[in-house]
PDB file of N, CA and C in Angstrom:
ATOM      1  N   MET A   1     -19.843-111.935 -90.937  1.00  0.00           N
ATOM      2  CA  MET A   1     -19.610-109.933 -91.367  1.00  0.00           C
ATOM      3  C   MET A   1     -18.387-109.749 -91.630  1.00  0.00           C
ATOM      4  N   ILE A   2     -18.948-109.254 -92.852  1.00  0.00           N
ATOM      5  CA  ILE A   2     -17.998-108.223 -94.685  1.00  0.00           C
ATOM      6  C   ILE A   2     -17.746-107.113 -93.774  1.00  0.00           C
ATOM      7  N   PHE A   3     -16.142-107.217 -93.491  1.00  0.00           N
ATOM      8  CA  PHE A   3     -15.448-105.616 -93.579  1.00  0.00           C
ATOM      9  C   PHE A   3     -15.090-105.068 -94.060  1.00  0.00           C
ATOM     10  N   LEU A   4     -15.289-104.028 -94.789  1.00  0.00           N
ATOM     11  CA  LEU A   4     -15.054-103.260 -95.669  1.00  0.00           C
ATOM     12  C   LEU A   4     -13.759-102.415 -95.759  1.00  0.00           C
ATOM     13  N   LYS A   5     -13.102-102.010 -97.438  1.00  0.00           N
ATOM     14  CA  LYS A   5     -11.669-101.706 -97.084  1.00  0.00           C
ATOM     15  C   LYS A   5     -11.719-100.633 -96.395  1.00  0.00           C
ATOM     16  N   ASN A   6     -13.224 -99.398 -96.429  1.00  0.00           N
ATOM     17  CA  ASN A   6     -12.652 -97.984 -95.140  1.00  0.00           C
ATOM     18  C   ASN A   6     -13.409 -98.036 -94.795  1.00  0.00           C
ATOM     19  N   SER A   7     -13.350 -99.275 -94.093  1.00  0.00           N
ATOM     20  CA  SER A   7     -14.609 -99.461 -92.458  1.00  0.00           C
ATOM     21  C   SER A   7     -13.648 -99.125 -91.632  1.00  0.00           C
ATOM     22  N   ASN A   8     -14.514 -98.505 -90.254  1.00  0.00           N
ATOM     23  CA  ASN A   8     -14.752 -97.673 -89.491  1.00  0.00           C
ATOM     24  C   ASN A   8     -15.414 -97.755 -88.485  1.00  0.00           C
ATOM     25  N   LEU A   9     -15.241 -97.151 -87.291  1.00  0.00           N
ATOM     26  CA  LEU A   9     -16.370 -97.513 -86.204  1.00  0.00           C
ATOM     27  C   LEU A   9     -18.129 -96.917 -86.205  1.00  0.00           C
ATOM     28  N   GLN A  10     -17.805 -96.137 -87.326  1.00  0.00           N
ATOM     29  CA  GLN A  10     -18.888 -95.311 -87.619  1.00  0.00           C
ATOM     30  C   GLN A  10     -19.759 -96.474 -88.388  1.00  0.00           C
ATOM     31  N   THR A  11     -18.863 -97.146 -89.782  1.00  0.00           N
ATOM     32  CA  THR A  11     -20.085 -97.707 -90.741  1.00  0.00           C
ATOM     33  C   THR A  11     -20.017 -99.195 -90.452  1.00  0.00           C
ATOM     34  N   SER A  12     -18.938 -99.347 -89.294  1.00  0.00           N
ATOM     35  CA  SER A  12     -18.829-100.788 -88.410  1.00  0.00           C
ATOM     36  C   SER A  12     -21.012-100.496 -87.895  1.00  0.00           C
ATOM     37  N   VAL A  13     -20.934 -99.606 -86.680  1.00  0.00           N
ATOM     38  CA  VAL A  13     -22.191 -99.149 -86.125  1.00  0.00           C
ATOM     39  C   VAL A  13     -23.165 -98.953 -87.290  1.00  0.00           C
ATOM     40  N   TYR A  14     -23.446 -98.804 -88.028  1.00  0.00           N
ATOM     41  CA  TYR A  14     -24.185 -98.254 -88.957  1.00  0.00           C
ATOM     42  C   TYR A  14     -24.183 -99.978 -89.403  1.00  0.00           C
ATOM     43  N   THR A  15     -23.677-100.100 -90.192  1.00  0.00           N
ATOM     44  CA  THR A  15     -23.788-102.131 -90.594  1.00  0.00           C
ATOM     45  C   THR A  15     -24.588-102.593 -89.467  1.00  0.00           C
ATOM     46  N   ILE A  16     -24.224-102.915 -88.368  1.00  0.00           N
ATOM     47  CA  ILE A  16     -24.722-103.753 -87.457  1.00  0.00           C
ATOM     48  C   ILE A  16     -25.964-103.008 -87.141  1.00  0.00           C
ATOM     49  N   GLY A  17     -26.490-101.762 -87.043  1.00  0.00           N
ATOM     50  CA  GLY A  17     -27.335-101.295 -86.808  1.00  0.00           C
ATOM     51  C   GLY A  17     -28.301-102.200 -88.554  1.00  0.00           C
ATOM     52  N   MET A  18     -27.939-101.743 -89.446  1.00  0.00           N
ATOM     53  CA  MET A  18     -29.103-102.404 -90.420  1.00  0.00           C
ATOM     54  C   MET A  18     -29.538-103.674 -90.646  1.00  0.00           C
ATOM     55  N   LEU A  19     -28.175-104.447 -89.625  1.00  0.00           N
ATOM     56  CA  LEU A  19     -28.582-105.925 -89.585  1.00  0.00           C
ATOM     57  C   LEU A  19     -29.926-105.876 -88.834  1.00  0.00           C
ATOM     58  N   PHE A  20     -29.852-105.395 -87.698  1.00  0.00           N
ATOM     59  CA  PHE A  20     -30.569-105.116 -86.648  1.00  0.00           C
ATOM     60  C   PHE A  20     -31.724-105.273 -87.118  1.00  0.00           C
ATOM     61  N   VAL A  21     -32.290-104.037 -88.140  1.00  0.00           N
ATOM     62  CA  VAL A  21     -33.433-103.085 -88.689  1.00  0.00           C
ATOM     63  C   VAL A  21     -33.953-104.351 -89.800  1.00  0.00           C
ATOM     64  N   ILE A  22     -32.780-105.177 -90.130  1.00  0.00           N
ATOM     65  CA  ILE A  22     -33.428-106.209 -91.349  1.00  0.00           C
ATOM     66  C   ILE A  22     -33.951-107.244 -90.482  1.00  0.00           C
ATOM     67  N   ILE A  23     -33.226-107.651 -89.536  1.00  0.00           N
ATOM     68  CA  ILE A  23     -34.265-108.828 -89.025  1.00  0.00           C
ATOM     69  C   ILE A  23     -34.870-108.624 -88.176  1.00  0.00           C
ATOM     70  N   ILE A  24     -35.854-107.476 -87.376  1.00  0.00           N
ATOM     71  CA  ILE A  24     -36.762-106.652 -86.950  1.00  0.00           C
ATOM     72  C   ILE A  24     -37.563-106.620 -87.594  1.00  0.00           C
ATOM     73  N   ALA A  25     -37.633-106.525 -89.225  1.00  0.00           N
ATOM     74  CA  ALA A  25     -38.340-105.974 -89.951  1.00  0.00           C
ATOM     75  C   ALA A  25     -39.047-107.545 -90.571  1.00  0.00           C
ATOM     76  N   SER A  26     -38.019-108.683 -90.821  1.00  0.00           N
ATOM     77  CA  SER A  26     -38.197-109.896 -91.281  1.00  0.00           C
ATOM     78  C   SER A  26     -39.251-110.315 -90.340  1.00  0.00           C
ATOM     79  N   MET A  27     -38.741-110.317 -89.151  1.00  0.00           N
ATOM     80  CA  MET A  27     -39.390-110.750 -87.535  1.00  0.00           C
ATOM     81  C   MET A  27     -41.107-110.484 -87.542  1.00  0.00           C
ATOM     82  N   ASN A  28     -41.091-109.235 -88.240  1.00  0.00           N
ATOM     83  CA  ASN A  28     -42.145-108.592 -88.163  1.00  0.00           C
ATOM     84  C   ASN A  28     -42.941-108.536 -89.846  1.00  0.00           C
ATOM     85  N   VAL A  29     -42.751-108.891 -90.166  1.00  0.00           N
ATOM     86  CA  VAL A  29     -43.612-109.398 -91.938  1.00  0.00           C
ATOM     87  C   VAL A  29     -44.203-110.807 -91.655  1.00  0.00           C
ATOM     88  N   LEU A  30     -43.142-111.813 -90.929  1.00  0.00           N
ATOM     89  CA  LEU A  30     -43.247-112.834 -90.792  1.00  0.00           C
ATOM     90  C   LEU A  30     -44.788-112.493 -89.509  1.00  0.00           C
ATOM     91  N   ASN A  31     -44.013-111.729 -88.265  1.00  0.00           N
ATOM     92  CA  ASN A  31     -45.652-112.071 -87.269  1.00  0.00           C
ATOM     93  C   ASN A  31     -46.734-111.123 -87.463  1.00  0.00           C
ATOM     94  N   TYR A  32     -46.377-110.518 -88.775  1.00  0.00           N
ATOM     95  CA  TYR A  32     -47.936-109.545 -88.346  1.00  0.00           C
ATOM     96  C   TYR A  32     -48.323-109.004 -87.186  1.00  0.00           C
ATOM     97  N   THR A  33     -46.668-108.358 -86.521  1.00  0.00           N
ATOM     98  CA  THR A  33     -47.239-107.578 -85.481  1.00  0.00           C
ATOM     99  C   THR A  33     -46.910-106.073 -85.400  1.00  0.00           C
ATOM    100  N   VAL A  34     -46.724-105.830 -87.299  1.00  0.00           N
ATOM    101  CA  VAL A  34     -46.509-103.901 -87.022  1.00  0.00           C
ATOM    102  C   VAL A  34     -47.261-104.186 -88.817  1.00  0.00           C
ATOM    103  N   PRO A  35     -47.745-103.033 -89.392  1.00  0.00           N
ATOM    104  CA  PRO A  35     -47.954-102.666 -90.657  1.00  0.00           C
ATOM    105  C   PRO A  35     -46.798-103.707 -91.863  1.00  0.00           C
ATOM    106  N   LYS A  36     -47.300-104.555 -92.377  1.00  0.00           N
ATOM    107  CA  LYS A  36     -46.324-104.917 -93.814  1.00  0.00           C
ATOM    108  C   LYS A  36     -45.631-103.840 -94.412  1.00  0.00           C
ATOM    109  N   ILE A  37     -46.340-103.078 -94.594  1.00  0.00           N
ATOM    110  CA  ILE A  37     -46.198-101.228 -95.309  1.00  0.00           C
ATOM    111  C   ILE A  37     -44.792-100.778 -94.845  1.00  0.00           C
ATOM    112  N   ILE A  38     -44.881-100.888 -92.868  1.00  0.00           N
ATOM    113  CA  ILE A  38     -43.728-100.433 -92.322  1.00  0.00           C
ATOM    114  C   ILE A  38     -41.960-101.462 -92.300  1.00  0.00           C
ATOM    115  N   SER A  39     -42.272-102.419 -92.452  1.00  0.00           N
ATOM    116  CA  SER A  39     -41.591-103.480 -92.703  1.00  0.00           C
ATOM    117  C   SER A  39     -40.823-103.652 -93.848  1.00  0.00           C
ATOM    118  N   TYR A  40     -42.080-103.124 -95.056  1.00  0.00           N
ATOM    119  CA  TYR A  40     -40.898-103.498 -96.428  1.00  0.00           C
ATOM    120  C   TYR A  40     -40.308-102.258 -96.480  1.00  0.00           C
ATOM    121  N   PHE A  41     -40.718-101.152 -95.638  1.00  0.00           N
ATOM    122  CA  PHE A  41     -40.102 -99.390 -96.262  1.00  0.00           C
ATOM    123  C   PHE A  41     -38.709 -99.827 -95.460  1.00  0.00           C
ATOM    124  N   LEU A  42     -38.618-100.647 -94.077  1.00  0.00           N
ATOM    125  CA  LEU A  42     -37.566-100.929 -93.481  1.00  0.00           C
ATOM    126  C   LEU A  42     -36.406-101.665 -94.486  1.00  0.00           C
ATOM    127  N   LEU A  43     -37.268-102.331 -94.622  1.00  0.00           N
ATOM    128  CA  LEU A  43     -36.183-103.277 -95.398  1.00  0.00           C
ATOM    129  C   LEU A  43     -35.511-102.657 -96.734  1.00  0.00           C
ATOM    130  N   LEU A  44     -36.360-101.545 -97.305  1.00  0.00           N
ATOM    131  CA  LEU A  44     -36.048-100.909 -98.594  1.00  0.00           C
ATOM    132  C   LEU A  44     -35.137-100.246 -98.086  1.00  0.00           C
ATOM    133  N   VAL A  45     -34.699 -99.303 -97.245  1.00  0.00           N
ATOM    134  CA  VAL A  45     -33.991 -98.535 -96.211  1.00  0.00           C
ATOM    135  C   VAL A  45     -32.798 -99.222 -96.391  1.00  0.00           C
ATOM    136  N   ALA A  46     -32.660-100.010 -95.260  1.00  0.00           N
ATOM    137  CA  ALA A  46     -31.268-101.152 -95.602  1.00  0.00           C
ATOM    138  C   ALA A  46     -31.007-101.554 -96.941  1.00  0.00           C
ATOM    139  N   GLY A  47     -31.905-101.798 -97.614  1.00  0.00           N
ATOM    140  CA  GLY A  47     -31.352-102.316 -99.218  1.00  0.00           C
ATOM    141  C   GLY A  47     -30.345-100.620 -99.617  1.00  0.00           C
ATOM    142  N   ILE A  48     -31.288 -99.731 -99.273  1.00  0.00           N
ATOM    143  CA  ILE A  48     -30.427 -98.655 -99.991  1.00  0.00           C
ATOM    144  C   ILE A  48     -29.076 -98.280 -99.533  1.00  0.00           C
ATOM    145  N   HIS A  49     -29.242 -98.338 -98.241  1.00  0.00           N
ATOM    146  CA  HIS A  49     -27.935 -97.818 -97.287  1.00  0.00           C
ATOM    147  C   HIS A  49     -26.212 -98.993 -97.417  1.00  0.00           C
ATOM    148  N   PHE A  50     -27.355-100.713 -97.490  1.00  0.00           N
ATOM    149  CA  PHE A  50     -26.300-101.969 -97.540  1.00  0.00           C
ATOM    150  C   PHE A  50     -25.939-101.148 -99.669  1.00  0.00           C
ATOM    151  N   PHE A  51     -26.236-100.632-100.339  1.00  0.00           N
ATOM    152  CA  PHE A  51     -26.248-100.515-102.208  1.00  0.00           C
ATOM    153  C   PHE A  51     -24.904 -99.672-102.142  1.00  0.00           C
ATOM    154  N   LEU A  52     -25.790 -98.103-101.317  1.00  0.00           N
ATOM    155  CA  LEU A  52     -24.539 -97.368-101.256  1.00  0.00           C
ATOM    156  C   LEU A  52     -23.387 -97.367-100.753  1.00  0.00           C
ATOM    157  N   LEU A  53     -23.681 -98.388 -99.276  1.00  0.00           N
ATOM    158  CA  LEU A  53     -21.816 -98.724 -98.403  1.00  0.00           C
ATOM    159  C   LEU A  53     -21.378 -99.801 -99.572  1.00  0.00           C
ATOM    160  N   PHE A  54     -21.878-100.082 -99.920  1.00  0.00           N
ATOM    161  CA  PHE A  54     -21.036-101.549-100.782  1.00  0.00           C
ATOM    162  C   PHE A  54     -20.468-100.753-102.136  1.00  0.00           C
ATOM    163  N   THR A  55     -20.936 -99.933-103.029  1.00  0.00           N
ATOM    164  CA  THR A  55     -20.458 -99.047-103.611  1.00  0.00           C
ATOM    165  C   THR A  55     -19.686 -98.020-103.640  1.00  0.00           C
ATOM    166  N   GLY A  56     -19.584 -97.736-102.468  1.00  0.00           N
ATOM    167  CA  GLY A  56     -18.337 -96.515-102.078  1.00  0.00           C
ATOM    168  C   GLY A  56     -19.371 -95.099-101.837  1.00  0.00           C
ATOM    169  N   LYS A  57     -20.307 -94.854-101.685  1.00  0.00           N
ATOM    170  CA  LYS A  57     -20.721 -93.949-102.190  1.00  0.00           C
ATOM    171  C   LYS A  57     -21.348 -93.139-100.803  1.00  0.00           C
ATOM    172  N   TYR A  58     -21.909 -94.162 -99.854  1.00  0.00           N
ATOM    173  CA  TYR A  58     -21.513 -93.649 -98.699  1.00  0.00           C
ATOM    174  C   TYR A  58     -20.271 -93.457 -97.740  1.00  0.00           C
ATOM    175  N   LYS A  59     -20.491 -92.135 -97.489  1.00  0.00           N
ATOM    176  CA  LYS A  59     -19.287 -91.741 -96.109  1.00  0.00           C
ATOM    177  C   LYS A  59     -20.055 -91.107 -95.030  1.00  0.00           C
TER     178      LYS A  59
END
């Protein structure tokens, strides 16, 4: 787990939540249990979230 310089409880909860989203989306892509577009959308949202979080734009 990577802890950021400005990490607090809220960003930690968001990060853990996004990790679960990535895991669920990846499982859904592999198992075809949900439409792939939904899983790719979740991965895209998680990717944008991490990009903003690591660049310091997310507050």
